[in-house]
C-alpha atoms as a PDB file:
ATOM      1  CA  MET A   1     -20.325 -55.630   6.147  1.00  0.00           C
ATOM      2  CA  GLY A   2     -21.442 -52.008   6.045  1.00  0.00           C
ATOM      3  CA  GLU A   3     -22.911 -49.599   8.539  1.00  0.00           C
ATOM      4  CA  PRO A   4     -25.903 -50.967  10.457  1.00  0.00           C
ATOM      5  CA  GLN A   5     -29.321 -49.887   9.235  1.00  0.00           C
ATOM      6  CA  GLY A   6     -32.942 -50.346  10.242  1.00  0.00           C
ATOM      7  CA  LYS A   7     -33.558 -52.722  13.146  1.00  0.00           C
ATOM      8  CA  GLU A   8     -29.859 -53.491  13.434  1.00  0.00           C
ATOM      9  CA  LEU A   9     -29.069 -49.783  13.875  1.00  0.00           C
ATOM     10  CA  GLU A  10     -31.865 -49.443  16.448  1.00  0.00           C
ATOM     11  CA  ALA A  11     -30.392 -52.375  18.399  1.00  0.00           C
ATOM     12  CA  VAL A  12     -26.885 -50.852  18.345  1.00  0.00           C
ATOM     13  CA  ARG A  13     -28.235 -47.546  19.624  1.00  0.00           C
ATOM     14  CA  ALA A  14     -30.306 -49.234  22.329  1.00  0.00           C
ATOM     15  CA  ARG A  15     -27.259 -51.204  23.491  1.00  0.00           C
ATOM     16  CA  ARG A  16     -25.182 -48.005  23.652  1.00  0.00           C
ATOM     17  CA  GLU A  17     -27.842 -46.417  25.859  1.00  0.00           C
ATOM     18  CA  GLU A  18     -27.824 -49.488  28.144  1.00  0.00           C
ATOM     19  CA  LEU A  19     -24.040 -49.157  28.480  1.00  0.00           C
ATOM     20  CA  ARG A  20     -24.303 -45.416  29.208  1.00  0.00           C
ATOM     21  CA  THR A  21     -26.881 -46.088  31.931  1.00  0.00           C
ATOM     22  CA  GLN A  22     -24.828 -48.886  33.501  1.00  0.00           C
ATOM     23  CA  TYR A  23     -21.293 -47.452  33.301  1.00  0.00           C
ATOM     24  CA  LEU A  24     -21.316 -43.672  32.758  1.00  0.00           C
ATOM     25  CA  HIS A  25     -21.426 -42.019  36.180  1.00  0.00           C
ATOM     26  CA  GLU A  26     -22.252 -38.371  36.853  1.00  0.00           C
ATOM     27  CA  PRO A  27     -19.129 -36.175  37.244  1.00  0.00           C
ATOM     28  CA  GLY A  28     -19.403 -35.916  41.039  1.00  0.00           C
ATOM     29  CA  LYS A  29     -19.881 -39.687  41.400  1.00  0.00           C
ATOM     30  CA  ARG A  30     -17.007 -40.873  39.200  1.00  0.00           C
ATOM     31  CA  PRO A  31     -14.041 -42.504  40.910  1.00  0.00           C
ATOM     32  CA  ALA A  32     -10.660 -40.813  40.560  1.00  0.00           C
ATOM     33  CA  THR A  33      -8.516 -42.227  37.783  1.00  0.00           C
ATOM     34  CA  THR A  34      -5.616 -44.488  38.684  1.00  0.00           C
ATOM     35  CA  ALA A  35      -3.360 -43.003  35.963  1.00  0.00           C
ATOM     36  CA  ALA A  36      -1.263 -39.820  36.026  1.00  0.00           C
ATOM     37  CA  GLY A  37      -1.760 -39.170  32.296  1.00  0.00           C
ATOM     38  CA  VAL A  38      -0.367 -40.232  28.940  1.00  0.00           C
ATOM     39  CA  HIS A  39       3.416 -40.427  29.123  1.00  0.00           C
ATOM     40  CA  HIS A  40       3.689 -41.293  25.451  1.00  0.00           C
ATOM     41  CA  ALA A  41       1.906 -43.098  22.687  1.00  0.00           C
ATOM     42  CA  ALA A  42       4.317 -45.136  20.539  1.00  0.00           C
ATOM     43  CA  PHE A  43       3.810 -45.935  16.870  1.00  0.00           C
ATOM     44  CA  ILE A  44       5.821 -47.675  14.172  1.00  0.00           C
ATOM     45  CA  CYS A  45       7.321 -45.705  11.306  1.00  0.00           C
ATOM     46  CA  ARG A  46       8.814 -46.672   7.949  1.00  0.00           C
ATOM     47  CA  ASP A  47      11.493 -43.996   7.772  1.00  0.00           C
ATOM     48  CA  VAL A  48      12.968 -42.131  10.757  1.00  0.00           C
ATOM     49  CA  GLU A  49      14.026 -39.008   8.860  1.00  0.00           C
ATOM     50  CA  GLU A  50      10.763 -38.702   6.939  1.00  0.00           C
ATOM     51  CA  THR A  51       8.854 -38.989  10.231  1.00  0.00           C
ATOM     52  CA  ILE A  52      11.064 -36.397  11.956  1.00  0.00           C
ATOM     53  CA  ARG A  53      10.630 -33.966   9.074  1.00  0.00           C
ATOM     54  CA  PHE A  54       6.839 -34.360   9.096  1.00  0.00           C
ATOM     55  CA  TYR A  55       6.353 -33.943  12.833  1.00  0.00           C
ATOM     56  CA  GLN A  56       9.073 -31.428  13.631  1.00  0.00           C
ATOM     57  CA  GLU A  57       9.346 -29.319  10.504  1.00  0.00           C
ATOM     58  CA  PHE A  58       5.805 -29.563   9.151  1.00  0.00           C
ATOM     59  CA  LEU A  59       3.598 -29.875  12.262  1.00  0.00           C
ATOM     60  CA  GLY A  60       5.958 -28.080  14.662  1.00  0.00           C
ATOM     61  CA  PHE A  61       6.410 -30.795  17.311  1.00  0.00           C
ATOM     62  CA  PRO A  62      10.033 -30.578  18.568  1.00  0.00           C
ATOM     63  CA  LEU A  63      12.080 -33.776  18.513  1.00  0.00           C
ATOM     64  CA  VAL A  64      13.248 -34.279  22.112  1.00  0.00           C
ATOM     65  CA  GLU A  65      15.052 -37.649  22.000  1.00  0.00           C
ATOM     66  CA  LEU A  66      16.447 -40.149  19.495  1.00  0.00           C
ATOM     67  CA  VAL A  67      18.033 -43.353  20.857  1.00  0.00           C
ATOM     68  CA  GLU A  68      18.422 -46.995  19.940  1.00  0.00           C
ATOM     69  CA  ASN A  69      15.506 -49.203  20.907  1.00  0.00           C
ATOM     70  CA  ARG A  70      16.554 -51.317  23.882  1.00  0.00           C
ATOM     71  CA  ASP A  71      14.543 -54.294  22.609  1.00  0.00           C
ATOM     72  CA  TYR A  72      15.612 -54.480  18.935  1.00  0.00           C
ATOM     73  CA  ALA A  73      19.167 -53.909  17.704  1.00  0.00           C
ATOM     74  CA  GLY A  74      19.396 -51.148  15.107  1.00  0.00           C
ATOM     75  CA  SER A  75      15.880 -49.879  15.749  1.00  0.00           C
ATOM     76  CA  SER A  76      15.415 -46.224  16.677  1.00  0.00           C
ATOM     77  CA  HIS A  77      13.090 -44.971  19.410  1.00  0.00           C
ATOM     78  CA  PHE A  78      12.341 -41.258  19.308  1.00  0.00           C
ATOM     79  CA  PHE A  79       9.990 -38.742  20.868  1.00  0.00           C
ATOM     80  CA  PHE A  80       8.271 -35.476  19.997  1.00  0.00           C
ATOM     81  CA  ASP A  81       6.884 -32.913  22.433  1.00  0.00           C
ATOM     82  CA  ILE A  82       3.151 -32.592  21.777  1.00  0.00           C
ATOM     83  CA  GLY A  83       2.504 -30.234  24.684  1.00  0.00           C
ATOM     84  CA  ASN A  84       1.162 -30.438  28.212  1.00  0.00           C
ATOM     85  CA  GLY A  85       3.933 -32.853  29.249  1.00  0.00           C
ATOM     86  CA  ASN A  86       2.869 -35.438  26.648  1.00  0.00           C
ATOM     87  CA  LEU A  87       5.130 -37.216  24.192  1.00  0.00           C
ATOM     88  CA  LEU A  88       4.524 -38.846  20.826  1.00  0.00           C
ATOM     89  CA  GLY A  89       6.918 -41.745  20.255  1.00  0.00           C
ATOM     90  CA  PHE A  90       7.975 -43.769  17.250  1.00  0.00           C
ATOM     91  CA  PHE A  91      10.001 -46.894  16.533  1.00  0.00           C
ATOM     92  CA  ASP A  92      11.423 -48.097  13.271  1.00  0.00           C
ATOM     93  CA  PHE A  93      12.174 -51.784  12.798  1.00  0.00           C
ATOM     94  CA  PRO A  94      14.799 -52.242  10.072  1.00  0.00           C
ATOM     95  CA  GLY A  95      14.311 -55.541   8.286  1.00  0.00           C
ATOM     96  CA  HIS A  96      10.572 -55.788   8.963  1.00  0.00           C
ATOM     97  CA  GLU A  97       7.959 -55.724   6.250  1.00  0.00           C
ATOM     98  CA  HIS A  98       5.027 -53.551   7.234  1.00  0.00           C
ATOM     99  CA  PRO A  99       1.590 -53.702   5.633  1.00  0.00           C
ATOM    100  CA  GLU A 100      -0.307 -50.487   4.984  1.00  0.00           C
ATOM    101  CA  GLN A 101      -2.306 -49.070   7.889  1.00  0.00           C
ATOM    102  CA  HIS A 102      -5.961 -50.102   8.066  1.00  0.00           C
ATOM    103  CA  GLU A 103      -8.773 -49.971  10.599  1.00  0.00           C
ATOM    104  CA  THR A 104      -9.027 -53.198  12.524  1.00  0.00           C
ATOM    105  CA  ILE A 105      -9.603 -54.492  16.039  1.00  0.00           C
ATOM    106  CA  GLY A 106      -6.668 -53.420  18.183  1.00  0.00           C
ATOM    107  CA  GLY A 107      -5.570 -50.863  15.595  1.00  0.00           C
ATOM    108  CA  LEU A 108      -5.648 -47.113  15.888  1.00  0.00           C
ATOM    109  CA  GLN A 109      -8.592 -45.332  14.270  1.00  0.00           C
ATOM    110  CA  HIS A 110      -6.952 -41.932  14.787  1.00  0.00           C
ATOM    111  CA  LEU A 111      -4.940 -39.882  17.260  1.00  0.00           C
ATOM    112  CA  ALA A 112      -6.623 -36.582  18.162  1.00  0.00           C
ATOM    113  CA  LEU A 113      -4.339 -33.739  19.233  1.00  0.00           C
ATOM    114  CA  SER A 114      -5.717 -30.625  20.906  1.00  0.00           C
ATOM    115  CA  VAL A 115      -4.705 -27.398  19.166  1.00  0.00           C
ATOM    116  CA  THR A 116      -5.598 -23.735  19.613  1.00  0.00           C
ATOM    117  CA  ALA A 117      -7.565 -21.841  16.981  1.00  0.00           C
ATOM    118  CA  GLU A 118      -4.327 -20.174  15.862  1.00  0.00           C
ATOM    119  CA  GLN A 119      -2.482 -23.501  15.601  1.00  0.00           C
ATOM    120  CA  PHE A 120      -5.433 -25.003  13.705  1.00  0.00           C
ATOM    121  CA  ASP A 121      -5.469 -22.162  11.158  1.00  0.00           C
ATOM    122  CA  ALA A 122      -1.675 -22.255  10.741  1.00  0.00           C
ATOM    123  CA  ALA A 123      -1.722 -26.038  10.173  1.00  0.00           C
ATOM    124  CA  LYS A 124      -4.482 -25.685   7.585  1.00  0.00           C
ATOM    125  CA  GLU A 125      -2.444 -23.012   5.775  1.00  0.00           C
ATOM    126  CA  ARG A 126       0.672 -25.250   5.765  1.00  0.00           C
ATOM    127  CA  LEU A 127      -1.347 -28.207   4.473  1.00  0.00           C
ATOM    128  CA  ASP A 128      -2.905 -26.080   1.727  1.00  0.00           C
ATOM    129  CA  ALA A 129       0.482 -24.608   0.737  1.00  0.00           C
ATOM    130  CA  ALA A 130       2.049 -28.074   0.572  1.00  0.00           C
ATOM    131  CA  GLY A 131      -0.890 -29.553  -1.374  1.00  0.00           C
ATOM    132  CA  THR A 132      -1.405 -32.131   1.380  1.00  0.00           C
ATOM    133  CA  ASP A 133      -4.763 -33.913   1.401  1.00  0.00           C
ATOM    134  CA  TYR A 134      -6.931 -33.646   4.499  1.00  0.00           C
ATOM    135  CA  LEU A 135     -10.556 -33.977   5.568  1.00  0.00           C
ATOM    136  CA  GLY A 136     -12.411 -31.175   7.315  1.00  0.00           C
ATOM    137  CA  PRO A 137     -13.435 -28.719   8.382  1.00  0.00           C
ATOM    138  CA  ASP A 138     -15.804 -28.899   5.394  1.00  0.00           C
ATOM    139  CA  ARG A 139     -17.873 -31.864   6.615  1.00  0.00           C
ATOM    140  CA  GLY A 140     -20.034 -29.845   8.996  1.00  0.00           C
ATOM    141  CA  VAL A 141     -17.486 -30.333  11.765  1.00  0.00           C
ATOM    142  CA  ASP A 142     -15.591 -27.070  11.766  1.00  0.00           C
ATOM    143  CA  ASN A 143     -13.205 -27.882  14.619  1.00  0.00           C
ATOM    144  CA  SER A 144     -11.564 -31.041  13.216  1.00  0.00           C
ATOM    145  CA  LEU A 145      -8.975 -31.530  10.517  1.00  0.00           C
ATOM    146  CA  TYR A 146      -7.908 -35.086   9.632  1.00  0.00           C
ATOM    147  CA  ILE A 147      -4.565 -35.936   8.046  1.00  0.00           C
ATOM    148  CA  ARG A 148      -2.342 -38.971   7.514  1.00  0.00           C
ATOM    149  CA  ASP A 149       1.297 -38.917   8.456  1.00  0.00           C
ATOM    150  CA  PRO A 150       3.909 -40.483   6.129  1.00  0.00           C
ATOM    151  CA  ASN A 151       3.362 -43.843   7.869  1.00  0.00           C
ATOM    152  CA  GLY A 152      -0.408 -43.924   7.319  1.00  0.00           C
ATOM    153  CA  LEU A 153      -1.195 -42.875  10.914  1.00  0.00           C
ATOM    154  CA  ASN A 154      -4.546 -41.092  10.979  1.00  0.00           C
ATOM    155  CA  MET A 155      -4.387 -37.890  13.002  1.00  0.00           C
ATOM    156  CA  GLU A 156      -6.976 -35.310  13.949  1.00  0.00           C
ATOM    157  CA  LEU A 157      -6.020 -31.752  14.765  1.00  0.00           C
ATOM    158  CA  TYR A 158      -8.871 -30.917  17.121  1.00  0.00           C
ATOM    159  CA  ARG A 159      -9.587 -27.283  17.891  1.00  0.00           C
ATOM    160  CA  GLU A 160     -10.808 -28.001  21.401  1.00  0.00           C
ATOM    161  CA  ARG A 161      -9.424 -27.704  24.922  1.00  0.00           C
ATOM    162  CA  LEU A 162      -8.058 -30.789  26.614  1.00  0.00           C
ATOM    163  CA  GLY A 163     -10.745 -32.630  28.553  1.00  0.00           C
ATOM    164  CA  TYR A 164     -13.570 -31.210  26.416  1.00  0.00           C
ATOM    165  CA  PHE A 165     -15.607 -32.742  23.596  1.00  0.00           C
ATOM    166  CA  GLU A 166     -17.823 -30.609  21.353  1.00  0.00           C
ATOM    167  CA  GLY A 167     -17.671 -27.766  23.890  1.00  0.00           C
ATOM    168  CA  ASP A 168     -18.715 -29.918  26.852  1.00  0.00           C
ATOM    169  CA  ALA A 169     -16.345 -30.567  29.745  1.00  0.00           C
ATOM    170  CA  LEU A 170     -15.740 -34.298  30.132  1.00  0.00           C
ATOM    171  CA  LEU A 171     -13.191 -33.894  32.905  1.00  0.00           C
END
């Protein structure tokens, strides 16, 4: 099944507008959130060292903890500082077979990380120097750069302030 077209596309767009009208409240009328923020997002990795090297040495996210997973003997649980008090976590599960990453219900499409213009340019230079494949900013979206980590995790380095989308304040 491909992208919707024709009447099907019109119906999808009409439904989105119905949802916006019903659920999207004006900034002054929105209730306060019941969360304090993202403590960490946790993903599964194939290889602990490969993951540490990619995030710490290549992307520049300091490793801040590496312990045994309390729920699975031999499994590591580790965290990187991704700024603003947020953590990026990983688990490995020795003995498990893991299929390749793919887009599916309940799966992650991508993780977007806010970066400054300087960080964006430096990451692009590192990717180019390493010969690492990425998408953007050549697709008409000059503030996004999409990469895959060694585990297949899709990531976006988004040259935008936290709480903003395409220059508009969402929060």
